[in-house]
Structures are given as C-alpha cells and as structure tokens.
Protein backbone atom coordinates (compact mmCIF):
# COMPACT_ATOMS: atom_id res chain seq x y z
CA UNK A 1 85.84 98.15 100.48
CA UNK A 2 85.64 96.60 103.88
CA UNK A 3 83.86 93.86 105.78
CA UNK A 4 82.48 94.21 109.36
CA UNK A 5 80.09 92.04 111.31
CA UNK A 6 78.25 92.58 114.65
CA UNK A 7 76.54 89.61 116.15
CA UNK A 8 74.21 89.44 119.10
CA UNK A 9 74.30 86.30 121.22
CA UNK A 10 72.62 85.28 124.52
CA UNK A 11 75.97 85.87 126.26
CA UNK A 12 76.64 89.19 124.80
CA UNK A 13 78.06 90.62 121.53
CA UNK A 14 80.90 89.69 119.10
CA UNK A 15 82.33 91.97 116.60
CA UNK A 16 84.87 91.58 113.92
CA UNK A 17 86.34 93.94 111.18
CA UNK A 18 88.92 93.87 108.54
CA UNK A 19 91.45 96.63 108.08
CA UNK A 20 91.95 97.01 104.34
CA UNK A 21 91.30 100.25 102.53
CA UNK A 22 91.99 100.70 98.87
CA UNK A 23 91.28 102.87 95.99
CA UNK A 24 92.67 100.45 93.28
CA UNK A 25 94.72 97.37 93.10
CA UNK A 26 98.05 99.20 93.48
CA UNK A 27 96.88 101.50 96.29
CA UNK A 28 96.12 99.44 99.48
CA UNK A 29 96.35 100.62 102.96
CA UNK A 30 95.48 99.46 106.62
CA UNK A 31 93.25 101.40 108.74
CA UNK A 32 91.40 100.53 111.91
CA UNK A 33 87.72 100.30 111.39
CA UNK A 34 86.79 99.11 114.94
CA UNK A 35 86.80 101.56 117.94
CA UNK A 36 85.45 101.07 121.41
CA UNK A 37 85.14 103.15 124.63
CA UNK A 38 84.24 101.97 128.10
CA UNK A 39 83.48 103.30 131.56
CA UNK A 40 84.37 100.35 133.81
CA UNK A 41 81.27 99.06 135.72
CA UNK A 42 79.06 101.46 133.72
CA UNK A 43 79.02 101.02 129.95
CA UNK A 44 81.03 99.80 126.94
CA UNK A 45 80.23 101.10 123.35
CA UNK A 46 81.85 100.06 120.09
CA UNK A 47 81.59 101.26 116.54
CA UNK A 48 82.64 99.64 113.22
CA UNK A 49 82.73 101.67 110.07
CA UNK A 50 82.42 101.13 106.31
CA UNK A 51 82.57 103.61 103.42
CA UNK A 52 84.54 106.68 102.62
CA UNK A 53 87.57 106.89 104.81
CA UNK A 54 87.49 110.66 105.10
CA UNK A 55 83.91 110.42 106.39
CA UNK A 56 84.42 107.57 108.78
CA UNK A 57 87.70 109.22 110.26
CA UNK A 58 85.89 112.47 110.64
CA UNK A 59 83.05 110.89 112.61
CA UNK A 60 85.38 108.94 114.85
CA UNK A 61 87.51 112.11 115.60
CA UNK A 62 84.46 114.02 116.44
CA UNK A 63 83.18 111.27 118.82
CA UNK A 64 86.64 111.13 120.41
CA UNK A 65 86.54 114.96 120.91
CA UNK A 66 83.13 114.86 122.42
CA UNK A 67 84.15 112.17 124.81
CA UNK A 68 87.00 114.22 126.11
CA UNK A 69 85.58 117.77 126.03
CA UNK A 70 83.38 118.78 129.07
CA UNK A 71 81.44 121.26 126.95
CA UNK A 72 80.35 118.37 124.61
CA UNK A 73 79.26 116.05 127.35
CA UNK A 74 75.51 116.23 126.30
CA UNK A 75 76.50 114.75 122.89
CA UNK A 76 79.01 112.20 124.39
CA UNK A 77 78.66 108.57 123.93
CA UNK A 78 79.85 108.22 127.57
CA UNK A 79 76.92 110.46 128.94
CA UNK A 80 73.95 109.34 126.81
CA UNK A 81 71.49 107.56 129.06
CA UNK A 82 70.53 104.66 126.75
CA UNK A 83 71.97 102.87 123.67
CA UNK A 84 69.08 104.26 121.58
CA UNK A 85 70.21 107.73 122.30
CA UNK A 86 73.80 106.87 121.53
CA UNK A 87 72.48 105.47 118.10
CA UNK A 88 70.67 108.70 117.63
CA UNK A 89 73.83 110.86 118.38
CA UNK A 90 75.96 108.78 116.05
CA UNK A 91 73.29 108.80 113.29
CA UNK A 92 72.96 112.66 113.38
CA UNK A 93 76.66 112.98 113.44
CA UNK A 94 77.13 110.72 110.42
CA UNK A 95 74.36 112.50 108.43
CA UNK A 96 75.79 115.90 109.28
CA UNK A 97 79.31 114.96 108.32
CA UNK A 98 78.32 113.51 105.01
CA UNK A 99 76.34 116.67 104.24
CA UNK A 100 79.12 118.97 105.15
CA UNK A 101 81.72 117.12 103.06
CA UNK A 102 79.27 116.86 100.11
CA UNK A 103 78.63 120.66 100.36
CA UNK A 104 82.29 121.37 100.40
CA UNK A 105 82.96 119.27 97.36
CA UNK A 106 79.91 120.47 95.39
CA UNK A 107 77.20 118.32 93.77
CA UNK A 108 79.61 116.22 91.77
CA UNK A 109 80.86 114.75 95.10
CA UNK A 110 77.32 113.72 96.12
CA UNK A 111 77.03 110.16 97.24
CA UNK A 112 80.79 109.72 97.11
CA UNK A 113 81.35 110.20 100.76
CA UNK A 114 78.74 107.99 102.19
CA UNK A 115 79.38 105.52 104.99
CA UNK A 116 77.50 103.13 107.38
CA UNK A 117 78.12 102.20 110.87
CA UNK A 118 77.52 99.24 113.21
CA UNK A 119 77.16 100.28 116.81
CA UNK A 120 77.15 97.82 119.70
CA UNK A 121 77.31 98.05 123.46
CA UNK A 122 75.63 97.91 126.78
CA UNK A 123 74.86 100.48 129.56
CA UNK A 124 74.40 99.32 133.14
CA UNK A 125 70.86 98.25 133.99
CA UNK A 126 69.93 97.65 130.36
CA UNK A 127 70.28 94.93 127.73
CA UNK A 128 73.24 94.68 125.23
CA UNK A 129 72.10 96.29 121.91
CA UNK A 130 73.24 96.24 118.29
CA UNK A 131 72.26 98.89 115.64
CA UNK A 132 72.92 99.32 111.92
CA UNK A 133 73.25 103.00 111.10
CA UNK A 134 72.63 104.21 107.53
CA UNK A 135 74.22 107.27 105.80
CA UNK A 136 70.96 109.22 106.07
CA UNK A 137 71.27 108.91 109.90
CA UNK A 138 68.45 106.57 110.57
CA UNK A 139 69.00 103.15 111.98
CA UNK A 140 67.55 99.69 112.76
CA UNK A 141 68.12 97.54 115.69
CA UNK A 142 69.09 93.73 115.81
CA UNK A 143 66.36 91.44 117.04
CA UNK A 144 65.48 87.76 117.33
CA UNK A 145 64.74 87.66 113.57
CA UNK A 146 67.84 89.75 112.54
CA UNK A 147 70.50 88.85 115.08
CA UNK A 148 73.49 90.12 113.22
CA UNK A 149 74.48 92.95 111.02
CA UNK A 150 77.07 93.29 108.20
CA UNK A 151 78.51 96.33 106.41
CA UNK A 152 80.83 96.58 103.50
CA UNK A 153 81.38 93.52 101.23
CA UNK A 154 78.63 91.35 102.75
CA UNK A 155 77.62 88.78 100.21
CA UNK A 156 80.40 86.36 100.38
CA UNK A 157 80.40 85.83 104.06
CA UNK A 158 76.59 85.93 104.67
CA UNK A 159 75.71 82.33 103.79
CA UNK A 160 78.24 81.14 106.40
CA UNK A 161 76.66 83.19 109.08
CA UNK A 162 73.07 82.32 108.10
CA UNK A 163 73.89 78.48 108.27
CA UNK A 164 76.03 78.49 111.40
CA UNK A 165 74.64 81.12 113.74
CA UNK A 166 72.92 79.98 117.03
CA UNK A 167 71.86 82.57 119.59
CA UNK A 168 73.02 80.24 122.34
CA UNK A 169 76.44 79.61 120.90
CA UNK A 170 79.57 80.24 122.89
CA UNK A 171 81.74 83.15 122.34
CA UNK A 172 84.55 80.81 121.13
CA UNK A 173 82.14 79.15 118.52
CA UNK A 174 80.96 82.66 117.49
CA UNK A 175 84.48 83.74 116.85
CA UNK A 176 85.23 80.54 114.83
CA UNK A 177 82.10 81.21 112.72
CA UNK A 178 83.24 84.78 112.04
CA UNK A 179 86.70 83.73 111.00
CA UNK A 180 85.15 81.30 108.42
CA UNK A 181 82.93 84.15 107.15
CA UNK A 182 85.84 86.51 106.79
CA UNK A 183 88.05 83.86 105.27
CA UNK A 184 85.36 83.23 102.60
CA UNK A 185 85.09 86.94 101.98
CA UNK A 186 88.83 87.51 101.81
CA UNK A 187 89.38 84.60 99.27
CA UNK A 188 86.53 86.08 97.06
CA UNK A 189 87.29 89.75 97.21
CA UNK A 190 90.77 91.40 97.14
CA UNK A 191 89.32 94.60 98.58
CA UNK A 192 88.82 92.87 102.09
CA UNK A 193 92.04 91.88 103.84
CA UNK A 194 94.06 91.04 107.03
CA UNK A 195 94.63 91.87 109.74
CA UNK A 196 91.30 91.52 111.51
CA UNK A 197 90.15 93.16 114.65
CA UNK A 198 88.04 91.23 117.17
CA UNK A 199 86.01 92.51 120.16
CA UNK A 200 83.91 90.38 122.54
CA UNK A 201 81.50 92.15 124.92
CA UNK A 202 80.20 89.86 127.65
CA UNK A 203 76.81 90.65 129.13
CA UNK A 204 76.96 92.89 132.28
CA UNK A 205 80.79 93.13 132.14
CA UNK A 206 81.14 96.72 130.75
CA UNK A 207 84.69 96.26 129.49
CA UNK A 208 86.20 94.20 126.66
CA UNK A 209 86.11 90.52 127.57
CA UNK A 210 88.46 89.78 124.72
CA UNK A 211 89.97 92.09 122.17
CA UNK A 212 92.89 91.37 119.79
CA UNK A 213 94.24 91.84 116.32
CA UNK A 214 94.48 88.74 114.13
CA UNK A 215 97.38 88.86 111.57
CA UNK A 216 97.53 86.82 108.41
CA UNK A 217 100.16 84.55 109.92
CA UNK A 218 97.98 83.91 113.05
CA UNK A 219 98.19 80.05 113.51
CA UNK A 220 94.68 79.57 114.63
CA UNK A 221 93.22 81.66 111.77
CA UNK A 222 95.34 79.68 109.25
CA UNK A 223 94.16 76.37 110.76
CA UNK A 224 90.53 77.51 110.31
CA UNK A 225 91.11 78.57 106.73
CA UNK A 226 92.82 75.27 105.78
CA UNK A 227 90.34 73.14 107.69
CA UNK A 228 87.35 74.93 106.20
CA UNK A 229 88.72 74.37 102.63
CA UNK A 230 89.38 70.81 103.29
CA UNK A 231 85.82 70.34 104.89
CA UNK A 232 84.21 71.89 101.92
CA UNK A 233 86.16 69.48 99.47
CA UNK A 234 85.11 66.47 101.75
CA UNK A 235 81.44 67.55 101.84
CA UNK A 236 81.34 67.96 98.08
CA UNK A 237 82.99 64.68 97.33
CA UNK A 238 80.36 63.00 99.75
CA UNK A 239 77.40 64.25 97.74
CA UNK A 240 75.60 61.89 95.40
CA UNK A 241 77.18 61.70 91.95
CA UNK A 242 75.26 63.19 89.06
CA UNK A 243 74.46 60.88 86.12
CA UNK A 244 73.58 61.95 82.65
CA UNK A 245 71.18 58.97 82.63
CA UNK A 246 69.33 59.94 85.83
CA UNK A 247 65.63 60.51 85.37
CA UNK A 248 63.48 62.02 88.20
CA UNK A 249 61.07 59.64 89.62
CA UNK A 250 62.88 56.76 87.97
C-alpha cells in the first residue's frame, strides 16, 4: 500500500508521497513513488504512483525512455502541447501496461496488476493542472470543488485535508497540513511509512520550487507529529463532559 496526495493552491501545486512498499509485515521495502521532469522556463510535470510495483515501475521506465528517445518525441511528456494531452498519454500507457502484464500472466492475474496515478504540472502559457488517472486509462481533473486528490491508503488522512485545506493558504501551511495528514495515516496503517517525498510547484516557475525527502528523524516532522498528538488531547479534554443524567432539552 502507499499514500500520495496532490493539492492545488492559488499559488501552485504541492505533492507528497510515502515510499513504503510491502507484501506482508515481514517484507517491507522502500521505493520512490514520486517522479518529476522539467524543461526550465517551459514546463514541469510530476507523477505519483500507487498500486502494483511492477506496473508502476514499467510505466515510469517507459516514460523515461520516451523523454530521452528522439523517435518517441510524439509521445513524450516533454513535447505534449497541453497538460490534458499529457494526461491522455499517461492514461493510455497505464492502461496498455496493465493489459500487457495481465495477458502475460493469464486470467488469474487479472486485477492484480492495477495502479493509479496523480499527474500534476504546468506548461508555459497555461494554468497549473492536477489529474487523477485510473487503471482503465480515463482520468478526472481537480477543480474548485475537488481541489486535491489522494491515491493509496486515503481514508485516515482525508478528514485532516477536508478540515484544514484553504485554496489561498501558503505553501508552508500546505506542507504542514500534508505532514499532519501523513502522520495520521502512518500511525493508523503500517503499510504506509517514511521517508516521505515532497515537491512544491510554484505557479509560472517551471522548475521545482522546493523538493526534498523527509526522513523519520526529521526534526520538523517529529515536532509536527508530537504537536498534533498533544493538540488533539487538549481539544478532547476541552470538550463538554458527558453525563449519564443529561437529558436533551433539559
């Protein structure tokens, strides 16, 4: 399992992913799930993946090859004229990769090799855009009503995002909000774990405004984790006490 979040702000885009991949409690590995490519002054594109590792690694490897090989330029993320067409290319590649792996492994392998992708980025002269791409290759785009996407183990961190998100928030506050969301998820599910990858894409900058890996011993992350736990305890203690003798309307 994994956990990835892509968030759309007025100032740009903020992305975070974990790196844990496991097939049982005694078989845990670390793999990068966030990748990004940029052409300075022209475009920046990032992808986060969740699902079967063989599928997602195959998709990323094929995208890397297309970006490097001149003969594949028409299918390259670095040549597509719009982010919509980038999403179309990635969606088709994901669908075809799943179909090929399923066919190779027979019907018994069907649905085992599924994956989903969050695609984010901006091309010069256009708005920053954020997409959620499904295993079938179709996709949806973030909007005012749906300003962030999650893939993987989403349920534990979602309430944090819903309560704390504001489109006009600063990048720093968005990162803090994501850290709380990831901390809540990590504490609730052992299949999500450190380190975390963070990428900030500022509007009209076309290169990473901030990118780093956050380790388990990161001092800021540990302060956020401890502070959030304490804040929850204080908030709980401040709520009105329940009484067995309370009567509604009394």
